[in-house]
C-alpha atoms as a PDB file:
ATOM      1  CA  MET A   1     108.276 153.272  87.544  1.00  0.00           C
ATOM      2  CA  GLN A   2     108.170 151.225  90.757  1.00  0.00           C
ATOM      3  CA  LYS A   3     109.421 148.145  88.884  1.00  0.00           C
ATOM      4  CA  LEU A   4     112.266 150.119  87.325  1.00  0.00           C
ATOM      5  CA  PHE A   5     113.215 151.562  90.719  1.00  0.00           C
ATOM      6  CA  PHE A   6     113.255 148.068  92.257  1.00  0.00           C
ATOM      7  CA  ILE A   7     115.542 146.745  89.512  1.00  0.00           C
ATOM      8  CA  ALA A   8     117.886 149.718  89.854  1.00  0.00           C
ATOM      9  CA  SER A   9     118.016 149.282  93.640  1.00  0.00           C
ATOM     10  CA  PHE A  10     118.802 145.599  93.218  1.00  0.00           C
ATOM     11  CA  PHE A  11     121.765 146.297  90.935  1.00  0.00           C
ATOM     12  CA  VAL A  12     123.121 149.005  93.270  1.00  0.00           C
ATOM     13  CA  ALA A  13     122.885 146.650  96.258  1.00  0.00           C
ATOM     14  CA  ALA A  14     124.553 143.850  94.296  1.00  0.00           C
ATOM     15  CA  PHE A  15     127.381 146.190  93.259  1.00  0.00           C
ATOM     16  CA  GLN A  16     127.936 147.274  96.875  1.00  0.00           C
ATOM     17  CA  VAL A  17     128.093 143.664  98.080  1.00  0.00           C
ATOM     18  CA  LYS A  18     130.575 142.806  95.337  1.00  0.00           C
ATOM     19  CA  ALA A  19     132.731 145.819  96.233  1.00  0.00           C
ATOM     20  CA  GLN A  20     132.676 144.866  99.924  1.00  0.00           C
ATOM     21  CA  ASN A  21     133.666 141.306  99.077  1.00  0.00           C
ATOM     22  CA  ALA A  22     136.547 142.582  96.951  1.00  0.00           C
ATOM     23  CA  ASP A  23     137.700 144.820  99.819  1.00  0.00           C
ATOM     24  CA  SER A  24     137.471 141.949 102.291  1.00  0.00           C
ATOM     25  CA  ILE A  25     139.547 139.703 100.032  1.00  0.00           C
ATOM     26  CA  PHE A  26     142.195 142.408  99.599  1.00  0.00           C
ATOM     27  CA  ILE A  27     142.340 143.118 103.340  1.00  0.00           C
ATOM     28  CA  LYS A  28     142.638 139.381 104.046  1.00  0.00           C
ATOM     29  CA  LYS A  29     145.556 139.154 101.622  1.00  0.00           C
ATOM     30  CA  LEU A  30     147.247 142.068 103.366  1.00  0.00           C
ATOM     31  CA  ALA A  31     146.738 140.446 106.759  1.00  0.00           C
ATOM     32  CA  ASP A  32     148.075 137.109 105.507  1.00  0.00           C
ATOM     33  CA  GLU A  33     151.166 138.786 104.073  1.00  0.00           C
ATOM     34  CA  ILE A  34     151.841 140.657 107.305  1.00  0.00           C
ATOM     35  CA  LEU A  35     151.336 137.585 109.488  1.00  0.00           C
ATOM     36  CA  THR A  36     153.488 135.286 107.361  1.00  0.00           C
ATOM     37  CA  ASN A  37     156.160 137.620 105.982  1.00  0.00           C
ATOM     38  CA  GLY A  38     155.878 140.719 108.150  1.00  0.00           C
ATOM     39  CA  LYS A  39     158.971 142.323 109.665  1.00  0.00           C
ATOM     40  CA  ALA A  40     157.299 144.528 112.262  1.00  0.00           C
ATOM     41  CA  TYR A  41     158.671 142.665 115.285  1.00  0.00           C
ATOM     42  CA  GLU A  42     162.130 142.409 113.752  1.00  0.00           C
ATOM     43  CA  ASN A  43     162.066 146.138 113.023  1.00  0.00           C
ATOM     44  CA  LEU A  44     160.958 146.823 116.592  1.00  0.00           C
ATOM     45  CA  ARG A  45     163.744 144.602 117.931  1.00  0.00           C
ATOM     46  CA  HIS A  46     166.349 146.420 115.838  1.00  0.00           C
ATOM     47  CA  LEU A  47     165.036 149.842 116.851  1.00  0.00           C
ATOM     48  CA  THR A  48     164.982 149.097 120.575  1.00  0.00           C
ATOM     49  CA  LYS A  49     167.962 146.756 120.903  1.00  0.00           C
ATOM     50  CA  GLN A  50     170.405 147.799 118.193  1.00  0.00           C
ATOM     51  CA  ILE A  51     169.724 151.535 118.189  1.00  0.00           C
ATOM     52  CA  GLY A  52     168.472 151.856 121.757  1.00  0.00           C
ATOM     53  CA  GLY A  53     167.443 155.061 123.496  1.00  0.00           C
ATOM     54  CA  ARG A  54     166.183 157.852 121.253  1.00  0.00           C
ATOM     55  CA  LEU A  55     165.730 160.942 123.411  1.00  0.00           C
ATOM     56  CA  ALA A  56     164.898 164.089 121.470  1.00  0.00           C
ATOM     57  CA  GLY A  57     168.050 165.697 120.108  1.00  0.00           C
ATOM     58  CA  SER A  58     170.258 162.715 120.982  1.00  0.00           C
ATOM     59  CA  PRO A  59     172.582 160.758 118.645  1.00  0.00           C
ATOM     60  CA  GLY A  60     170.158 157.836 119.020  1.00  0.00           C
ATOM     61  CA  MET A  61     167.356 159.975 117.616  1.00  0.00           C
ATOM     62  CA  VAL A  62     169.417 160.851 114.540  1.00  0.00           C
ATOM     63  CA  LYS A  63     170.442 157.234 114.046  1.00  0.00           C
ATOM     64  CA  SER A  64     166.844 156.018 114.309  1.00  0.00           C
ATOM     65  CA  GLU A  65     165.687 158.625 111.780  1.00  0.00           C
ATOM     66  CA  GLN A  66     168.299 157.530 109.269  1.00  0.00           C
ATOM     67  CA  TRP A  67     167.473 153.868 109.827  1.00  0.00           C
ATOM     68  CA  GLY A  68     163.750 154.564 109.450  1.00  0.00           C
ATOM     69  CA  MET A  69     164.329 156.262 106.101  1.00  0.00           C
ATOM     70  CA  ILE A  70     166.242 153.248 104.822  1.00  0.00           C
ATOM     71  CA  VAL A  71     163.525 150.846 105.991  1.00  0.00           C
ATOM     72  CA  MET A  72     160.800 152.909 104.320  1.00  0.00           C
ATOM     73  CA  LYS A  73     162.644 152.886 100.998  1.00  0.00           C
ATOM     74  CA  GLU A  74     163.483 149.190 101.215  1.00  0.00           C
ATOM     75  CA  SER A  75     159.823 148.475 101.966  1.00  0.00           C
ATOM     76  CA  GLY A  76     158.819 150.069  98.663  1.00  0.00           C
ATOM     77  CA  ALA A  77     157.397 153.392  99.807  1.00  0.00           C
ATOM     78  CA  GLU A  78     156.645 155.553  96.771  1.00  0.00           C
ATOM     79  CA  LYS A  79     157.859 158.642  98.599  1.00  0.00           C
ATOM     80  CA  ALA A  80     159.824 158.998 101.814  1.00  0.00           C
ATOM     81  CA  SER A  81     161.311 162.270 103.007  1.00  0.00           C
ATOM     82  CA  MET A  82     162.655 163.912 106.155  1.00  0.00           C
ATOM     83  CA  GLN A  83     161.706 167.347 107.444  1.00  0.00           C
ATOM     84  CA  GLN A  84     163.580 169.506 109.903  1.00  0.00           C
ATOM     85  CA  CYS A  85     161.858 170.498 113.126  1.00  0.00           C
ATOM     86  CA  MET A  86     162.764 171.915 116.509  1.00  0.00           C
ATOM     87  CA  VAL A  87     162.668 169.496 119.442  1.00  0.00           C
ATOM     88  CA  PRO A  88     163.475 169.913 123.139  1.00  0.00           C
ATOM     89  CA  HIS A  89     166.884 168.569 124.124  1.00  0.00           C
ATOM     90  CA  TRP A  90     167.382 167.053 127.572  1.00  0.00           C
ATOM     91  CA  VAL A  91     170.472 165.223 128.830  1.00  0.00           C
ATOM     92  CA  ARG A  92     170.415 162.958 131.871  1.00  0.00           C
ATOM     93  CA  GLY A  93     172.984 163.890 134.490  1.00  0.00           C
ATOM     94  CA  GLY A  94     175.009 161.499 136.627  1.00  0.00           C
ATOM     95  CA  GLU A  95     173.745 158.452 138.481  1.00  0.00           C
ATOM     96  CA  ASP A  96     170.467 159.016 140.301  1.00  0.00           C
ATOM     97  CA  GLN A  97     170.601 158.174 144.004  1.00  0.00           C
ATOM     98  CA  ALA A  98     168.234 158.345 146.949  1.00  0.00           C
ATOM     99  CA  SER A  99     168.186 157.358 150.617  1.00  0.00           C
ATOM    100  CA  PHE A 100     165.792 158.019 153.458  1.00  0.00           C
ATOM    101  CA  ASN A 101     165.617 158.586 157.181  1.00  0.00           C
ATOM    102  CA  VAL A 102     163.210 156.937 159.572  1.00  0.00           C
ATOM    103  CA  GLN A 103     162.507 159.115 162.594  1.00  0.00           C
ATOM    104  CA  GLY A 104     165.736 160.999 162.003  1.00  0.00           C
ATOM    105  CA  LYS A 105     167.911 157.892 161.565  1.00  0.00           C
ATOM    106  CA  LYS A 106     169.461 157.402 158.131  1.00  0.00           C
ATOM    107  CA  VAL A 107     168.676 154.072 156.508  1.00  0.00           C
ATOM    108  CA  TYR A 108     171.622 152.879 154.438  1.00  0.00           C
ATOM    109  CA  GLU A 109     169.593 151.203 151.789  1.00  0.00           C
ATOM    110  CA  LYS A 110     169.818 152.249 148.175  1.00  0.00           C
ATOM    111  CA  LEU A 111     166.528 153.174 146.582  1.00  0.00           C
ATOM    112  CA  ASP A 112     166.293 152.521 142.865  1.00  0.00           C
ATOM    113  CA  VAL A 113     165.224 155.807 141.318  1.00  0.00           C
ATOM    114  CA  VAL A 114     165.513 157.339 137.864  1.00  0.00           C
ATOM    115  CA  ALA A 115     164.955 160.989 137.001  1.00  0.00           C
ATOM    116  CA  LEU A 116     161.923 161.716 134.847  1.00  0.00           C
ATOM    117  CA  GLY A 117     162.640 162.992 131.371  1.00  0.00           C
ATOM    118  CA  ASN A 118     162.901 166.810 131.271  1.00  0.00           C
ATOM    119  CA  SER A 119     163.326 166.956 135.047  1.00  0.00           C
ATOM    120  CA  ILE A 120     165.681 169.587 136.375  1.00  0.00           C
ATOM    121  CA  GLY A 121     168.580 168.371 138.501  1.00  0.00           C
ATOM    122  CA  THR A 122     168.943 168.581 142.251  1.00  0.00           C
ATOM    123  CA  GLY A 123     172.439 170.049 142.224  1.00  0.00           C
ATOM    124  CA  LYS A 124     175.413 168.417 143.921  1.00  0.00           C
ATOM    125  CA  ASN A 125     173.848 168.725 147.375  1.00  0.00           C
ATOM    126  CA  GLY A 126     170.628 166.973 146.406  1.00  0.00           C
ATOM    127  CA  VAL A 127     167.272 167.612 148.040  1.00  0.00           C
ATOM    128  CA  THR A 128     166.549 166.713 151.654  1.00  0.00           C
ATOM    129  CA  ALA A 129     163.027 167.058 153.001  1.00  0.00           C
ATOM    130  CA  GLU A 130     160.193 165.238 154.695  1.00  0.00           C
ATOM    131  CA  VAL A 131     158.154 163.023 152.371  1.00  0.00           C
ATOM    132  CA  ILE A 132     154.392 163.319 152.175  1.00  0.00           C
ATOM    133  CA  LYS A 133     152.582 160.432 150.499  1.00  0.00           C
ATOM    134  CA  VAL A 134     149.400 161.028 148.524  1.00  0.00           C
ATOM    135  CA  ASN A 135     147.486 158.439 146.547  1.00  0.00           C
ATOM    136  CA  SER A 136     145.840 160.782 144.048  1.00  0.00           C
ATOM    137  CA  PHE A 137     145.541 164.365 142.878  1.00  0.00           C
ATOM    138  CA  ASP A 138     142.344 164.607 144.902  1.00  0.00           C
ATOM    139  CA  GLU A 139     144.275 163.781 148.060  1.00  0.00           C
ATOM    140  CA  LEU A 140     146.938 166.319 147.107  1.00  0.00           C
ATOM    141  CA  GLU A 141     144.257 168.994 146.946  1.00  0.00           C
ATOM    142  CA  LYS A 142     142.840 167.968 150.312  1.00  0.00           C
ATOM    143  CA  ARG A 143     146.299 168.082 151.926  1.00  0.00           C
ATOM    144  CA  LYS A 144     147.696 171.053 150.010  1.00  0.00           C
ATOM    145  CA  ASP A 145     148.423 172.973 153.212  1.00  0.00           C
ATOM    146  CA  GLU A 146     150.836 170.197 154.287  1.00  0.00           C
ATOM    147  CA  VAL A 147     152.911 170.198 151.089  1.00  0.00           C
ATOM    148  CA  LYS A 148     155.133 173.277 151.381  1.00  0.00           C
ATOM    149  CA  GLY A 149     158.818 172.428 151.762  1.00  0.00           C
ATOM    150  CA  LYS A 150     158.247 168.676 151.401  1.00  0.00           C
ATOM    151  CA  ILE A 151     158.837 165.962 148.816  1.00  0.00           C
ATOM    152  CA  VAL A 152     155.541 164.707 147.414  1.00  0.00           C
ATOM    153  CA  PHE A 153     155.325 160.969 146.744  1.00  0.00           C
ATOM    154  CA  TYR A 154     152.508 160.068 144.367  1.00  0.00           C
ATOM    155  CA  ASN A 155     151.631 156.522 145.354  1.00  0.00           C
ATOM    156  CA  TYR A 156     149.136 156.020 142.512  1.00  0.00           C
ATOM    157  CA  LYS A 157     148.900 152.337 141.644  1.00  0.00           C
ATOM    158  CA  PHE A 158     148.877 151.098 138.063  1.00  0.00           C
ATOM    159  CA  ASN A 159     145.301 149.923 137.482  1.00  0.00           C
ATOM    160  CA  ASP A 160     145.377 146.201 136.660  1.00  0.00           C
ATOM    161  CA  THR A 161     141.653 146.055 135.873  1.00  0.00           C
ATOM    162  CA  TYR A 162     141.988 147.731 132.473  1.00  0.00           C
ATOM    163  CA  ILE A 163     141.756 145.167 129.683  1.00  0.00           C
ATOM    164  CA  ASN A 164     143.465 147.649 127.380  1.00  0.00           C
ATOM    165  CA  THR A 165     146.750 148.084 129.231  1.00  0.00           C
ATOM    166  CA  PHE A 166     147.552 151.327 127.423  1.00  0.00           C
ATOM    167  CA  LEU A 167     144.563 152.924 129.142  1.00  0.00           C
ATOM    168  CA  ALA A 168     146.083 151.937 132.477  1.00  0.00           C
ATOM    169  CA  TYR A 169     149.387 153.471 131.416  1.00  0.00           C
ATOM    170  CA  ARG A 170     147.709 156.680 130.279  1.00  0.00           C
ATOM    171  CA  ASP A 171     145.774 156.817 133.541  1.00  0.00           C
ATOM    172  CA  ALA A 172     148.902 156.467 135.675  1.00  0.00           C
ATOM    173  CA  SER A 173     151.195 158.629 133.546  1.00  0.00           C
ATOM    174  CA  GLN A 174     149.252 161.787 134.393  1.00  0.00           C
ATOM    175  CA  TYR A 175     151.144 161.743 137.699  1.00  0.00           C
ATOM    176  CA  ARG A 176     154.425 161.712 135.827  1.00  0.00           C
ATOM    177  CA  GLY A 177     153.374 164.384 133.342  1.00  0.00           C
ATOM    178  CA  GLN A 178     151.477 166.790 135.602  1.00  0.00           C
ATOM    179  CA  GLY A 179     152.568 165.726 139.071  1.00  0.00           C
ATOM    180  CA  PRO A 180     155.669 167.897 139.569  1.00  0.00           C
ATOM    181  CA  SER A 181     153.972 171.171 138.646  1.00  0.00           C
ATOM    182  CA  ARG A 182     150.823 170.360 140.598  1.00  0.00           C
ATOM    183  CA  ALA A 183     152.965 169.726 143.675  1.00  0.00           C
ATOM    184  CA  ALA A 184     155.113 172.804 143.017  1.00  0.00           C
ATOM    185  CA  LYS A 185     151.915 174.862 143.029  1.00  0.00           C
ATOM    186  CA  TYR A 186     151.724 174.246 146.784  1.00  0.00           C
ATOM    187  CA  GLY A 187     155.438 174.695 147.491  1.00  0.00           C
ATOM    188  CA  ALA A 188     156.814 171.144 147.192  1.00  0.00           C
ATOM    189  CA  LYS A 189     160.601 170.796 146.873  1.00  0.00           C
ATOM    190  CA  ALA A 190     160.590 167.647 144.725  1.00  0.00           C
ATOM    191  CA  VAL A 191     158.383 164.788 143.544  1.00  0.00           C
ATOM    192  CA  ILE A 192     158.586 160.993 143.531  1.00  0.00           C
ATOM    193  CA  VAL A 193     156.219 158.999 141.345  1.00  0.00           C
ATOM    194  CA  ARG A 194     155.428 155.337 141.445  1.00  0.00           C
ATOM    195  CA  SER A 195     156.830 153.361 138.503  1.00  0.00           C
ATOM    196  CA  MET A 196     154.416 153.363 135.523  1.00  0.00           C
ATOM    197  CA  SER A 197     154.215 149.630 134.999  1.00  0.00           C
ATOM    198  CA  HIS A 198     152.248 146.458 135.693  1.00  0.00           C
ATOM    199  CA  ALA A 199     155.501 144.811 136.750  1.00  0.00           C
ATOM    200  CA  ALA A 200     156.104 144.809 140.497  1.00  0.00           C
ATOM    201  CA  ASP A 201     159.880 144.918 140.130  1.00  0.00           C
ATOM    202  CA  ASN A 202     162.628 147.273 141.193  1.00  0.00           C
ATOM    203  CA  ASN A 203     163.323 148.710 137.740  1.00  0.00           C
ATOM    204  CA  PRO A 204     161.872 152.232 137.645  1.00  0.00           C
ATOM    205  CA  HIS A 205     159.864 153.005 134.524  1.00  0.00           C
ATOM    206  CA  THR A 206     159.924 156.651 133.533  1.00  0.00           C
ATOM    207  CA  GLY A 207     158.931 158.945 130.722  1.00  0.00           C
ATOM    208  CA  ALA A 208     158.796 162.699 130.293  1.00  0.00           C
ATOM    209  CA  THR A 209     157.319 165.250 132.634  1.00  0.00           C
ATOM    210  CA  ARG A 210     155.870 168.555 131.472  1.00  0.00           C
ATOM    211  CA  TYR A 211     156.397 171.670 133.534  1.00  0.00           C
ATOM    212  CA  ASP A 212     153.694 174.302 133.829  1.00  0.00           C
ATOM    213  CA  SER A 213     155.393 177.675 133.344  1.00  0.00           C
ATOM    214  CA  ALA A 214     153.141 179.162 136.030  1.00  0.00           C
ATOM    215  CA  TYR A 215     155.020 177.285 138.766  1.00  0.00           C
ATOM    216  CA  GLU A 216     158.599 176.643 139.827  1.00  0.00           C
ATOM    217  CA  LYS A 217     160.353 173.676 138.231  1.00  0.00           C
ATOM    218  CA  ILE A 218     161.202 171.023 140.815  1.00  0.00           C
ATOM    219  CA  PRO A 219     163.160 167.739 140.481  1.00  0.00           C
ATOM    220  CA  ALA A 220     161.176 164.563 139.871  1.00  0.00           C
ATOM    221  CA  VAL A 221     162.064 160.861 139.913  1.00  0.00           C
ATOM    222  CA  ALA A 222     160.338 157.513 139.470  1.00  0.00           C
ATOM    223  CA  ILE A 223     160.917 154.838 142.079  1.00  0.00           C
ATOM    224  CA  GLY A 224     160.995 151.069 141.663  1.00  0.00           C
ATOM    225  CA  LEU A 225     158.385 148.852 143.296  1.00  0.00           C
ATOM    226  CA  ARG A 226     159.667 146.675 146.104  1.00  0.00           C
END
């Protein structure tokens, strides 16, 4: 019985090794095909450059959906279909502008700012208030009694020590996503967030913010890095 068990175990192990080798060969062939004949970067270029912005509910979103369906079919997908769903619809207003005063004196220098996605507008008169700078949510909590009636500037730096840059983006983007409502909780009038990017340029990088229904919605912008 022991001899029979040993022989059976040997054949099972040999079969598993053969199956793994076959899988490895197939995966290698897939990788070779993608690396030599892949169109991923060309598809990405077309999506971002030819179609452009694709905000939820926008004409660009519809165009990208239609293009994606065509690409799926041309790529040989056995089944490709589209399903209807409800999405939030947000439209950016006019040009975003900002200026600041130093000790009561207006500084005529344009600040490059862009409203965060889903942000409410400021109205034609804008928002004027003292700015309070905090470097983290922890600091916001410590200084919460100073926030009421002010504009909160989250000066949270993009962490360059992350090898996986997406982790750095996810880490910083919490200030974009949660920042406005967390500041509104203590009576802030508006929020400015530091651009979510490694690049130290003056091109603000934004994304969407998410309002907590428990607090007032306040305007929010991203500012470029000088």
